[in-house]
Amino acid sequence: MATNENGSGTRELAGKRALVTGGSRGIGAAIVRQLLDAGAEVLTTARSATGTVPEGAAFVAADVRTRAGAEALAAAARERLGGVDILVHNAGGAVPYKGAAAIPDEVWQDALDLNFLASVRLDSLLAPGMRERRSGAIVHVSSAAVPLTPPPFLHYTAAKAALENYSRGLASELAPFGIRVNTVSPGRTATPGGEATREQWARLDEGPGQDTTAPPLGRDGHPDDIAHAVLFLLSDRASWLTGSNLAVDGGEFPRG
């Protein structure tokens, strides 16, 4: 089958209904475009309609950091799509601090709500429909920096580490129902949000944390690099993959 201009290659997700959080810009928008190119019907969300929602995707504003926000988003997905076959948790992020002692309690809680509990809540609301249909695919977006745990981002990497552990357990729980759960862990990727975070980190004067050396493969990632990996894990090409964590980082953070 012919490859389209973005390289996704097929209409392999035709007839699938997908919800992507954090899909208005950067990696999330690239994921939305890949799913649309592959034939899926896509609903995406962010806290506000900033950025550029890819043409062809439906959008609803939602704050996934709260239970009420997750419930409203799940209801919108059922109303607009009639159900969800594909769920991609991309919403996430954090502001750097000068080490663990400088991170306020409310910031720890916000990091957990956005980077971990948002996925738990949405999964609990939408996975039952997948169980009834005995099919579905879920991808959680983590971070390749989790094993490194840079001190300014301990709140972020701790939440993402919890997400990775949860994802493996959920994969075991849902596998008998034909639902696959996998994780993608991006490395340093060229996005406006990523650049802003790196600038904030640099202002903390944390020395080695500001290393700008290119990964072993010679460049920073592009949003489509991450989106291609997500599309693969959602497709039937990955039909025997569940509970995996795919690091897409150019070799930046080797995992033991």
Protein backbone atom coordinates (compact mmCIF):
# COMPACT_ATOMS: atom_id res chain seq x y z
CA MET A 1 0.00 0.00 0.00
CA ALA A 2 1.26 3.48 -0.78
CA THR A 3 2.92 5.55 1.90
CA ASN A 4 1.36 8.94 2.61
CA GLU A 5 3.33 12.16 3.02
CA ASN A 6 3.73 11.75 6.76
CA GLY A 7 4.96 8.20 6.43
CA SER A 8 2.26 6.33 8.34
CA GLY A 9 1.81 4.15 5.29
CA THR A 10 -1.67 2.63 5.49
CA ARG A 11 -5.28 3.12 6.55
CA GLU A 12 -4.70 0.41 9.15
CA LEU A 13 -6.80 2.14 11.82
CA ALA A 14 -9.86 2.68 9.61
CA GLY A 15 -13.02 2.39 11.67
CA LYS A 16 -11.19 2.90 14.99
CA ARG A 17 -12.24 5.62 17.42
CA ALA A 18 -9.38 7.33 19.24
CA LEU A 19 -9.01 9.74 22.14
CA VAL A 20 -5.68 11.55 22.50
CA THR A 21 -4.99 13.82 25.47
CA GLY A 22 -2.69 16.80 25.05
CA GLY A 23 -3.14 16.72 21.28
CA SER A 24 -3.18 20.40 20.33
CA ARG A 25 0.57 20.85 19.76
CA GLY A 26 3.97 19.17 19.75
CA ILE A 27 4.12 15.41 20.17
CA GLY A 28 0.39 15.18 20.83
CA ALA A 29 -0.54 16.95 17.59
CA ALA A 30 1.86 14.67 15.68
CA ILE A 31 0.16 11.62 17.21
CA VAL A 32 -3.25 12.97 16.20
CA ARG A 33 -2.07 13.51 12.62
CA GLN A 34 -0.66 10.00 12.41
CA LEU A 35 -3.90 8.47 13.67
CA LEU A 36 -5.96 10.53 11.23
CA ASP A 37 -3.68 9.49 8.37
CA ALA A 38 -4.14 5.87 9.42
CA GLY A 39 -7.91 6.23 9.12
CA ALA A 40 -8.98 6.66 12.75
CA GLU A 41 -11.69 9.02 13.94
CA VAL A 42 -9.95 11.21 16.52
CA LEU A 43 -11.07 13.33 19.45
CA THR A 44 -8.33 15.26 21.18
CA THR A 45 -8.18 17.51 24.21
CA ALA A 46 -6.17 20.10 26.07
CA ARG A 47 -6.96 22.56 28.84
CA SER A 48 -7.62 25.25 26.23
CA ALA A 49 -7.65 25.49 22.45
CA THR A 50 -4.14 26.93 22.27
CA GLY A 51 -1.82 25.56 19.63
CA THR A 52 -3.12 24.12 16.40
CA VAL A 53 -5.47 21.15 16.50
CA PRO A 54 -4.78 19.05 13.39
CA GLU A 55 -7.42 19.40 10.69
CA GLY A 56 -9.89 16.55 10.78
CA ALA A 57 -9.76 15.99 14.54
CA ALA A 58 -12.54 16.93 16.93
CA PHE A 59 -11.52 18.94 20.00
CA VAL A 60 -12.92 19.38 23.47
CA ALA A 61 -11.37 21.48 26.24
CA ALA A 62 -10.80 19.47 29.43
CA ASP A 63 -8.58 19.50 32.49
CA VAL A 64 -7.54 15.89 32.97
CA ARG A 65 -5.82 16.69 36.28
CA THR A 66 -9.12 16.30 38.13
CA ARG A 67 -11.59 13.46 38.45
CA ALA A 68 -14.38 15.77 37.29
CA GLY A 69 -12.36 16.72 34.21
CA ALA A 70 -11.68 13.08 33.39
CA GLU A 71 -15.36 12.20 33.78
CA ALA A 72 -16.41 15.08 31.51
CA LEU A 73 -13.87 14.03 28.88
CA ALA A 74 -14.95 10.39 28.98
CA ALA A 75 -18.57 11.46 28.58
CA ALA A 76 -17.63 13.68 25.62
CA ALA A 77 -15.76 10.79 24.00
CA ARG A 78 -18.76 8.49 24.34
CA GLU A 79 -21.10 11.18 22.98
CA ARG A 80 -18.94 12.23 20.02
CA LEU A 81 -17.35 8.91 19.10
CA GLY A 82 -19.86 6.41 20.44
CA GLY A 83 -17.05 4.71 22.35
CA VAL A 84 -13.27 4.50 22.35
CA ASP A 85 -11.13 1.79 20.76
CA ILE A 86 -7.82 3.64 21.16
CA LEU A 87 -6.68 5.75 24.10
CA VAL A 88 -3.41 7.73 24.06
CA HIS A 89 -2.36 9.54 27.23
CA ASN A 90 0.01 12.28 26.08
CA ALA A 91 -0.86 15.17 28.41
CA GLY A 92 1.99 15.84 30.81
CA GLY A 93 4.80 18.11 31.86
CA ALA A 94 6.34 19.90 34.81
CA VAL A 95 8.33 22.99 35.78
CA PRO A 96 11.86 22.37 37.12
CA TYR A 97 12.87 23.22 40.70
CA LYS A 98 16.20 23.35 42.52
CA GLY A 99 15.92 19.85 43.93
CA ALA A 100 13.35 17.88 45.92
CA ALA A 101 13.30 20.14 48.99
CA ALA A 102 12.31 23.12 46.84
CA ILE A 103 9.26 21.41 45.34
CA PRO A 104 6.07 22.48 47.19
CA ASP A 105 3.48 19.88 48.19
CA GLU A 106 0.94 21.29 45.76
CA VAL A 107 3.42 20.95 42.90
CA TRP A 108 4.06 17.30 43.80
CA GLN A 109 0.30 16.74 43.77
CA ASP A 110 -0.15 18.54 40.47
CA ALA A 111 2.64 16.45 38.89
CA LEU A 112 0.97 13.27 40.10
CA ASP A 113 -2.46 14.40 38.91
CA LEU A 114 -1.28 15.36 35.43
CA ASN A 115 1.43 12.78 34.72
CA PHE A 116 0.00 9.74 36.49
CA LEU A 117 -3.50 9.94 37.93
CA ALA A 118 -5.02 11.44 34.77
CA SER A 119 -4.20 8.19 32.99
CA VAL A 120 -5.50 6.06 35.87
CA ARG A 121 -8.79 7.94 35.93
CA LEU A 122 -9.41 7.92 32.18
CA ASP A 123 -8.44 4.26 31.90
CA SER A 124 -10.89 3.37 34.66
CA LEU A 125 -13.65 5.26 32.84
CA LEU A 126 -13.02 4.04 29.29
CA ALA A 127 -11.42 0.60 29.59
CA PRO A 128 -14.72 -1.03 30.69
CA GLY A 129 -16.15 -0.33 27.23
CA MET A 130 -13.10 -1.96 25.68
CA ARG A 131 -13.55 -4.96 27.96
CA GLU A 132 -17.15 -5.36 26.81
CA ARG A 133 -15.97 -5.33 23.18
CA ARG A 134 -12.95 -7.49 24.09
CA SER A 135 -10.60 -5.29 22.12
CA GLY A 136 -8.69 -2.04 22.48
CA ALA A 137 -5.28 -0.43 22.67
CA ILE A 138 -3.92 2.02 25.22
CA VAL A 139 -0.61 3.90 25.06
CA HIS A 140 0.79 5.88 27.99
CA VAL A 141 3.45 8.49 27.15
CA SER A 142 6.19 8.54 29.78
CA SER A 143 9.75 9.91 29.52
CA ALA A 144 13.11 8.41 28.68
CA ALA A 145 14.54 10.54 31.50
CA VAL A 146 12.86 8.40 34.19
CA PRO A 147 15.96 6.22 34.88
CA LEU A 148 18.17 9.34 35.10
CA THR A 149 15.84 11.17 37.54
CA PRO A 150 17.40 14.66 37.19
CA PRO A 151 16.91 16.47 40.53
CA PRO A 152 15.02 19.51 39.12
CA PHE A 153 12.40 17.11 37.75
CA LEU A 154 12.03 14.60 40.59
CA HIS A 155 8.30 15.33 40.84
CA TYR A 156 7.90 14.67 37.12
CA THR A 157 10.03 11.53 36.84
CA ALA A 158 8.56 10.07 40.04
CA ALA A 159 5.06 10.46 38.57
CA LYS A 160 6.17 8.96 35.26
CA ALA A 161 7.87 6.06 37.05
CA ALA A 162 4.55 5.37 38.77
CA LEU A 163 2.85 5.53 35.36
CA GLU A 164 5.26 2.96 33.93
CA ASN A 165 4.72 0.56 36.83
CA TYR A 166 0.96 1.01 36.62
CA SER A 167 1.02 0.48 32.85
CA ARG A 168 2.72 -2.91 33.21
CA GLY A 169 0.19 -4.02 35.81
CA LEU A 170 -2.77 -2.80 33.79
CA ALA A 171 -1.43 -4.65 30.74
CA SER A 172 -1.56 -7.92 32.68
CA GLU A 173 -5.06 -7.17 33.95
CA LEU A 174 -6.55 -6.30 30.57
CA ALA A 175 -4.73 -8.78 28.33
CA PRO A 176 -7.36 -11.54 28.80
CA PHE A 177 -9.93 -9.13 27.36
CA GLY A 178 -7.95 -8.48 24.18
CA ILE A 179 -6.77 -5.04 25.30
CA ARG A 180 -3.12 -4.12 24.87
CA VAL A 181 -1.43 -1.52 27.11
CA ASN A 182 2.01 -0.16 26.24
CA THR A 183 4.22 2.81 27.07
CA VAL A 184 6.31 5.11 24.88
CA SER A 185 9.16 7.02 26.52
CA PRO A 186 10.35 9.97 24.40
CA GLY A 187 13.80 11.45 24.73
CA ARG A 188 14.71 15.05 24.04
CA THR A 189 12.31 16.15 21.30
CA ALA A 190 12.20 19.42 19.38
CA THR A 191 8.91 20.98 20.47
CA PRO A 192 8.04 24.48 21.72
CA GLY A 193 7.05 23.08 25.10
CA GLY A 194 10.25 21.08 25.41
CA GLU A 195 12.37 24.08 24.48
CA ALA A 196 10.61 26.24 27.08
CA THR A 197 11.24 23.61 29.75
CA ARG A 198 14.93 23.35 28.82
CA GLU A 199 15.25 27.14 29.05
CA GLN A 200 13.70 27.06 32.54
CA TRP A 201 16.14 24.32 33.52
CA ALA A 202 19.10 26.32 32.21
CA ARG A 203 18.07 29.30 34.35
CA LEU A 204 18.39 27.12 37.45
CA ASP A 205 22.16 26.90 36.76
CA GLU A 206 22.24 23.14 37.33
CA GLY A 207 25.45 22.50 35.38
CA PRO A 208 25.42 18.97 33.92
CA GLY A 209 21.66 19.05 33.62
CA GLN A 210 22.00 21.54 30.80
CA ASP A 211 24.02 19.23 28.53
CA THR A 212 23.11 19.94 24.91
CA THR A 213 25.17 17.13 23.37
CA ALA A 214 23.21 15.33 20.68
CA PRO A 215 22.08 11.74 21.43
CA PRO A 216 24.14 8.90 19.88
CA LEU A 217 22.00 8.97 16.74
CA GLY A 218 23.14 12.53 16.16
CA ARG A 219 20.04 14.70 16.57
CA ASP A 220 17.13 15.55 18.82
CA GLY A 221 13.87 13.81 18.11
CA HIS A 222 11.06 15.19 15.98
CA PRO A 223 7.43 14.87 17.11
CA ASP A 224 6.78 12.44 14.25
CA ASP A 225 9.52 10.14 15.59
CA ILE A 226 7.41 9.64 18.70
CA ALA A 227 4.13 9.52 16.80
CA HIS A 228 5.39 6.72 14.52
CA ALA A 229 6.20 4.62 17.59
CA VAL A 230 2.77 5.28 19.09
CA LEU A 231 1.06 4.35 15.83
CA PHE A 232 3.00 1.09 15.66
CA LEU A 233 1.98 0.11 19.20
CA LEU A 234 -1.67 0.88 18.44
CA SER A 235 -1.70 -1.09 15.20
CA ASP A 236 -2.16 -4.80 14.55
CA ARG A 237 1.56 -4.92 13.72
CA ALA A 238 2.06 -4.87 17.50
CA SER A 239 -0.66 -7.44 18.19
CA TRP A 240 1.69 -9.52 20.39
CA LEU A 241 3.06 -6.56 22.34
CA THR A 242 1.64 -5.56 25.70
CA GLY A 243 3.26 -4.30 28.88
CA SER A 244 6.21 -2.96 26.88
CA ASN A 245 8.01 0.36 27.27
CA LEU A 246 9.50 1.64 24.03
CA ALA A 247 12.21 4.27 24.55
CA VAL A 248 12.32 6.60 21.53
CA ASP A 249 15.32 8.72 22.41
CA GLY A 250 18.10 8.28 19.86
CA GLY A 251 20.01 6.20 22.42
CA GLU A 252 20.16 9.11 24.87
CA PHE A 253 19.18 7.23 28.05
CA PRO A 254 20.31 3.57 27.98
CA ARG A 255 18.13 1.35 30.16
CA GLY A 256 19.53 -1.56 32.13
